[in-house]
N, C-alpha and C. Protein backbone atom coordinates (compact mmCIF):
# COMPACT_ATOMS: atom_id res chain seq x y z
N MET A 1 3.42 -24.88 44.15
CA MET A 1 1.76 -24.96 43.77
C MET A 1 1.23 -26.12 43.93
N ASN A 2 -0.08 -26.18 44.32
CA ASN A 2 -0.55 -27.29 44.59
C ASN A 2 -1.32 -27.75 43.15
N GLN A 3 -1.94 -28.98 43.22
CA GLN A 3 -2.24 -29.84 42.06
C GLN A 3 -3.44 -29.19 41.21
N SER A 4 -4.36 -28.67 42.58
CA SER A 4 -5.94 -28.12 41.70
C SER A 4 -5.25 -26.44 41.15
N ALA A 5 -4.49 -25.92 41.97
CA ALA A 5 -3.88 -24.46 40.90
C ALA A 5 -3.47 -24.83 39.45
N LEU A 6 -2.33 -26.27 39.52
CA LEU A 6 -1.87 -26.35 38.29
C LEU A 6 -3.31 -26.74 36.97
N ILE A 7 -3.95 -27.62 37.74
CA ILE A 7 -5.40 -27.66 36.47
C ILE A 7 -6.10 -26.55 36.52
N TYR A 8 -6.28 -25.50 37.38
CA TYR A 8 -7.30 -24.32 36.78
C TYR A 8 -6.44 -23.75 36.05
N PHE A 9 -4.76 -23.44 35.96
CA PHE A 9 -4.13 -22.74 35.05
C PHE A 9 -4.10 -23.56 33.52
N THR A 10 -3.65 -24.66 33.65
CA THR A 10 -3.83 -25.36 32.39
C THR A 10 -5.32 -25.19 31.72
N ILE A 11 -6.48 -25.58 31.90
CA ILE A 11 -8.12 -24.97 31.93
C ILE A 11 -8.26 -23.95 31.12
N SER A 12 -7.55 -22.76 31.92
CA SER A 12 -7.59 -21.60 31.64
C SER A 12 -6.71 -21.18 30.29
N TYR A 13 -5.78 -21.58 30.25
CA TYR A 13 -4.77 -21.68 28.86
C TYR A 13 -5.27 -22.25 27.80
N ILE A 14 -6.23 -23.61 28.03
CA ILE A 14 -6.49 -24.05 26.89
C ILE A 14 -7.65 -23.26 26.45
N CYS A 15 -8.44 -22.85 27.32
CA CYS A 15 -9.92 -21.97 26.67
C CYS A 15 -9.25 -21.03 26.39
N PHE A 16 -8.51 -20.16 26.48
CA PHE A 16 -7.44 -18.88 26.04
C PHE A 16 -6.88 -19.20 24.84
N ASP A 17 -6.58 -20.32 24.77
CA ASP A 17 -6.05 -20.96 23.66
C ASP A 17 -6.93 -21.16 22.24
N GLN A 18 -7.89 -21.62 22.93
CA GLN A 18 -9.13 -22.11 21.77
C GLN A 18 -9.81 -20.59 21.67
N ALA A 19 -9.92 -20.08 22.36
CA ALA A 19 -10.34 -18.42 21.82
C ALA A 19 -9.59 -17.88 20.80
N LEU A 20 -8.40 -18.03 21.03
CA LEU A 20 -7.79 -16.90 20.18
C LEU A 20 -7.40 -17.61 18.75
N ARG A 21 -7.38 -19.21 19.01
CA ARG A 21 -7.91 -19.53 17.56
C ARG A 21 -8.56 -19.37 16.35
N ARG A 22 -10.08 -19.50 17.33
CA ARG A 22 -11.55 -19.15 16.71
C ARG A 22 -11.06 -17.72 16.40
N GLN A 23 -10.76 -16.49 16.79
CA GLN A 23 -10.93 -15.26 16.86
C GLN A 23 -9.88 -15.55 15.73
N ASN A 24 -8.81 -15.88 14.87
CA ASN A 24 -7.77 -15.58 14.05
C ASN A 24 -8.33 -16.39 13.18
N THR A 25 -9.20 -17.52 12.93
CA THR A 25 -9.90 -18.29 12.12
C THR A 25 -10.94 -17.68 11.36
N ASN A 26 -11.64 -16.72 12.35
CA ASN A 26 -12.79 -15.83 11.80
C ASN A 26 -12.30 -15.21 10.94
N ASN A 27 -12.98 -14.93 9.57
CA ASN A 27 -12.79 -13.62 8.87
C ASN A 27 -13.58 -12.75 8.91
N ASN A 28 -14.47 -12.38 9.61
CA ASN A 28 -14.97 -11.48 9.87
C ASN A 28 -14.64 -10.45 10.99
N THR A 29 -13.39 -10.69 12.00
CA THR A 29 -12.89 -10.03 12.44
C THR A 29 -11.72 -8.63 11.66
N MET A 30 -12.16 -7.95 11.86
CA MET A 30 -11.00 -7.03 11.14
C MET A 30 -10.61 -5.96 11.60
N LEU A 31 -10.11 -4.93 11.47
CA LEU A 31 -10.06 -3.76 12.25
C LEU A 31 -10.95 -2.48 11.94
N ILE A 32 -11.04 -2.56 10.39
CA ILE A 32 -11.72 -1.50 9.73
C ILE A 32 -13.20 -2.04 9.00
N LYS A 33 -14.36 -2.07 9.05
CA LYS A 33 -15.33 -2.91 8.54
C LYS A 33 -15.35 -1.93 7.15
N LYS A 34 -15.08 -2.55 5.94
CA LYS A 34 -14.76 -2.12 4.83
C LYS A 34 -15.45 -3.26 3.97
N THR A 35 -16.13 -3.05 2.35
CA THR A 35 -16.44 -4.06 1.60
C THR A 35 -15.35 -4.56 1.09
N ASN A 36 -15.25 -5.85 0.34
CA ASN A 36 -13.63 -6.22 -0.27
C ASN A 36 -14.55 -5.84 -1.86
N ASP A 37 -13.66 -5.09 -2.27
CA ASP A 37 -14.05 -4.61 -3.78
C ASP A 37 -12.71 -4.43 -4.65
N ILE A 38 -12.02 -5.46 -4.30
CA ILE A 38 -10.66 -5.70 -4.80
C ILE A 38 -10.92 -6.43 -6.11
N ILE A 39 -12.01 -7.09 -6.51
CA ILE A 39 -12.49 -7.37 -8.11
C ILE A 39 -13.19 -6.46 -8.68
N SER A 40 -13.77 -5.10 -8.70
CA SER A 40 -13.92 -3.84 -9.30
C SER A 40 -12.91 -3.50 -9.49
N LYS A 41 -11.49 -3.16 -8.51
CA LYS A 41 -10.64 -2.45 -8.83
C LYS A 41 -9.57 -3.55 -9.86
N GLN A 42 -9.58 -4.45 -9.70
CA GLN A 42 -8.94 -5.53 -10.74
C GLN A 42 -9.82 -4.94 -12.04
N TRP A 43 -11.01 -4.94 -12.32
CA TRP A 43 -11.38 -5.00 -13.48
C TRP A 43 -10.92 -3.43 -14.26
N TYR A 44 -10.49 -2.48 -13.40
CA TYR A 44 -9.73 -1.17 -14.00
C TYR A 44 -8.40 -1.73 -14.70
N TYR A 45 -7.62 -2.13 -14.40
CA TYR A 45 -6.73 -2.64 -14.68
C TYR A 45 -6.45 -4.06 -15.86
N GLN A 46 -7.58 -4.96 -15.90
CA GLN A 46 -7.83 -5.78 -16.92
C GLN A 46 -8.88 -5.75 -17.75
N ALA A 47 -9.65 -4.49 -17.57
CA ALA A 47 -10.56 -4.39 -18.98
C ALA A 47 -10.19 -3.09 -19.91
N ASN A 48 -9.29 -2.41 -19.33
CA ASN A 48 -8.84 -0.91 -19.83
C ASN A 48 -7.93 -1.60 -21.17
N PRO A 49 -7.82 -1.06 -21.97
CA PRO A 49 -7.32 -1.30 -23.29
C PRO A 49 -5.62 -1.42 -23.00
N ALA A 50 -4.88 -2.38 -23.70
CA ALA A 50 -3.74 -2.52 -23.39
C ALA A 50 -2.70 -1.67 -23.83
N HIS A 51 -3.20 -1.12 -24.86
CA HIS A 51 -2.15 0.35 -25.41
C HIS A 51 -1.79 1.03 -24.45
N ARG A 52 -2.40 1.35 -23.03
CA ARG A 52 -2.07 1.96 -21.98
C ARG A 52 -1.25 1.50 -21.34
N GLU A 53 -0.06 2.39 -20.56
CA GLU A 53 0.73 1.78 -19.38
C GLU A 53 -0.27 1.51 -18.45
N LEU A 54 0.18 0.65 -17.56
CA LEU A 54 -0.34 -0.13 -16.32
C LEU A 54 -0.31 1.18 -15.49
N TRP A 55 0.53 2.22 -15.15
CA TRP A 55 0.50 3.09 -14.06
C TRP A 55 -0.49 4.16 -14.76
N MET A 56 -1.24 4.03 -15.83
CA MET A 56 -1.89 5.05 -16.26
C MET A 56 -3.44 4.55 -16.65
N ARG A 57 -3.66 3.26 -16.38
CA ARG A 57 -5.01 2.75 -16.31
C ARG A 57 -6.01 2.86 -15.37
N HIS A 58 -5.58 3.29 -14.33
CA HIS A 58 -6.69 4.12 -13.51
C HIS A 58 -7.26 5.20 -13.56
N PRO A 59 -8.84 5.60 -13.67
CA PRO A 59 -9.16 6.64 -13.43
C PRO A 59 -8.68 8.07 -13.18
N ARG A 60 -7.68 7.84 -11.77
CA ARG A 60 -7.62 8.86 -11.39
C ARG A 60 -5.85 9.07 -11.40
N SER A 61 -5.28 8.24 -12.41
CA SER A 61 -3.64 7.88 -12.72
C SER A 61 -3.13 9.24 -12.93
N ALA A 62 -3.66 10.18 -13.65
CA ALA A 62 -3.42 11.08 -13.99
C ALA A 62 -3.10 12.67 -12.91
N LEU A 63 -4.39 12.42 -12.13
CA LEU A 63 -3.98 13.27 -10.97
C LEU A 63 -2.61 13.13 -10.22
N TYR A 64 -2.21 11.71 -10.38
CA TYR A 64 -0.78 11.34 -9.74
C TYR A 64 0.56 11.64 -10.87
N VAL A 65 0.03 10.91 -11.60
CA VAL A 65 1.16 11.17 -12.44
C VAL A 65 1.83 12.35 -13.40
N ILE A 66 0.57 12.80 -13.60
CA ILE A 66 1.09 14.36 -14.56
C ILE A 66 1.93 15.19 -13.85
N PRO A 67 1.51 15.36 -12.63
CA PRO A 67 2.43 16.34 -11.57
C PRO A 67 3.72 15.84 -11.44
N TYR A 68 3.83 14.48 -10.91
CA TYR A 68 5.10 14.08 -10.93
C TYR A 68 5.92 14.09 -12.05
N TRP A 69 5.69 13.74 -13.27
CA TRP A 69 6.69 14.10 -14.44
C TRP A 69 6.71 15.31 -14.81
N VAL A 70 5.98 16.43 -14.38
CA VAL A 70 6.43 17.83 -14.55
C VAL A 70 7.36 18.40 -13.82
N ALA A 71 7.42 18.00 -12.49
CA ALA A 71 8.18 18.17 -11.37
C ALA A 71 9.47 17.40 -12.10
N PHE A 72 9.53 16.02 -12.14
CA PHE A 72 10.63 15.25 -12.14
C PHE A 72 11.27 16.08 -13.59
N TRP A 73 10.49 15.80 -14.72
CA TRP A 73 11.56 16.41 -16.11
C TRP A 73 11.89 18.27 -15.84
N GLY A 74 10.75 19.14 -14.90
CA GLY A 74 11.40 20.45 -14.85
C GLY A 74 12.44 20.47 -13.72
N GLY A 75 12.86 19.63 -12.75
CA GLY A 75 13.68 19.78 -11.89
C GLY A 75 14.82 19.48 -12.52
N LEU A 76 14.73 18.39 -13.24
CA LEU A 76 16.21 17.79 -13.99
C LEU A 76 16.37 18.63 -15.49
N GLY A 77 15.62 19.53 -16.14
CA GLY A 77 15.67 20.40 -16.90
C GLY A 77 16.65 21.71 -16.00
N TYR A 78 16.31 21.92 -15.02
CA TYR A 78 16.61 23.08 -14.39
C TYR A 78 17.91 22.99 -13.82
N ALA A 79 18.41 21.78 -13.37
CA ALA A 79 19.55 21.39 -12.67
C ALA A 79 20.42 21.16 -13.92
N SER A 80 20.27 20.77 -15.39
CA SER A 80 20.34 20.55 -16.66
C SER A 80 21.09 21.89 -17.28
N TYR A 81 20.38 22.76 -17.16
CA TYR A 81 20.53 24.13 -17.69
C TYR A 81 21.62 25.03 -16.72
N TYR A 82 21.35 25.09 -15.57
CA TYR A 82 22.18 25.56 -14.81
C TYR A 82 23.96 24.80 -14.72
N LEU A 83 23.84 23.58 -14.78
CA LEU A 83 25.07 22.99 -15.06
C LEU A 83 25.72 23.22 -16.17
N GLY A 84 25.26 23.39 -17.24
CA GLY A 84 25.71 23.86 -18.45
C GLY A 84 26.39 25.21 -18.42
N ARG A 85 25.47 26.01 -17.89
CA ARG A 85 26.27 27.61 -17.11
C ARG A 85 26.96 27.41 -16.70
N MET A 86 27.29 26.51 -15.47
CA MET A 86 28.43 26.48 -14.72
C MET A 86 29.73 26.08 -15.24
N VAL A 87 29.63 25.24 -16.21
CA VAL A 87 30.53 24.45 -17.19
C VAL A 87 31.33 25.21 -18.00
N ILE A 88 30.48 26.17 -18.77
CA ILE A 88 30.96 27.20 -19.55
C ILE A 88 31.28 28.28 -18.80
N GLY A 89 31.13 28.85 -17.50
CA GLY A 89 31.69 29.61 -16.77
C GLY A 89 30.69 30.89 -16.53
N LYS A 90 29.62 30.77 -16.84
CA LYS A 90 28.37 32.27 -16.96
C LYS A 90 28.22 32.13 -15.60
N LYS A 91 28.28 33.24 -15.22
CA LYS A 91 27.15 33.56 -13.40
C LYS A 91 26.60 34.23 -13.83
N ASP A 92 25.30 34.51 -13.05
CA ASP A 92 24.20 35.25 -12.84
C ASP A 92 24.55 36.57 -12.28
């Protein structure tokens, strides 16, 4: 490799490296352009009364938590009922 080619590759590498560093330090380069609403979401958890559990402070929490608890306790009750029937020897 001659010296001029080596200089060319070195300069192109430096320019490419500087371009990458500029891109990584620029906060406007995101994959998805969305507004930063962390502060408004944080308000839900800090402004609501402290007597509510953390997982129930968000307005839509009941939509997720209540069906989960119904399925959890229903499945546990179902399994416990039939386990008790199996222990005492009753069959359907």
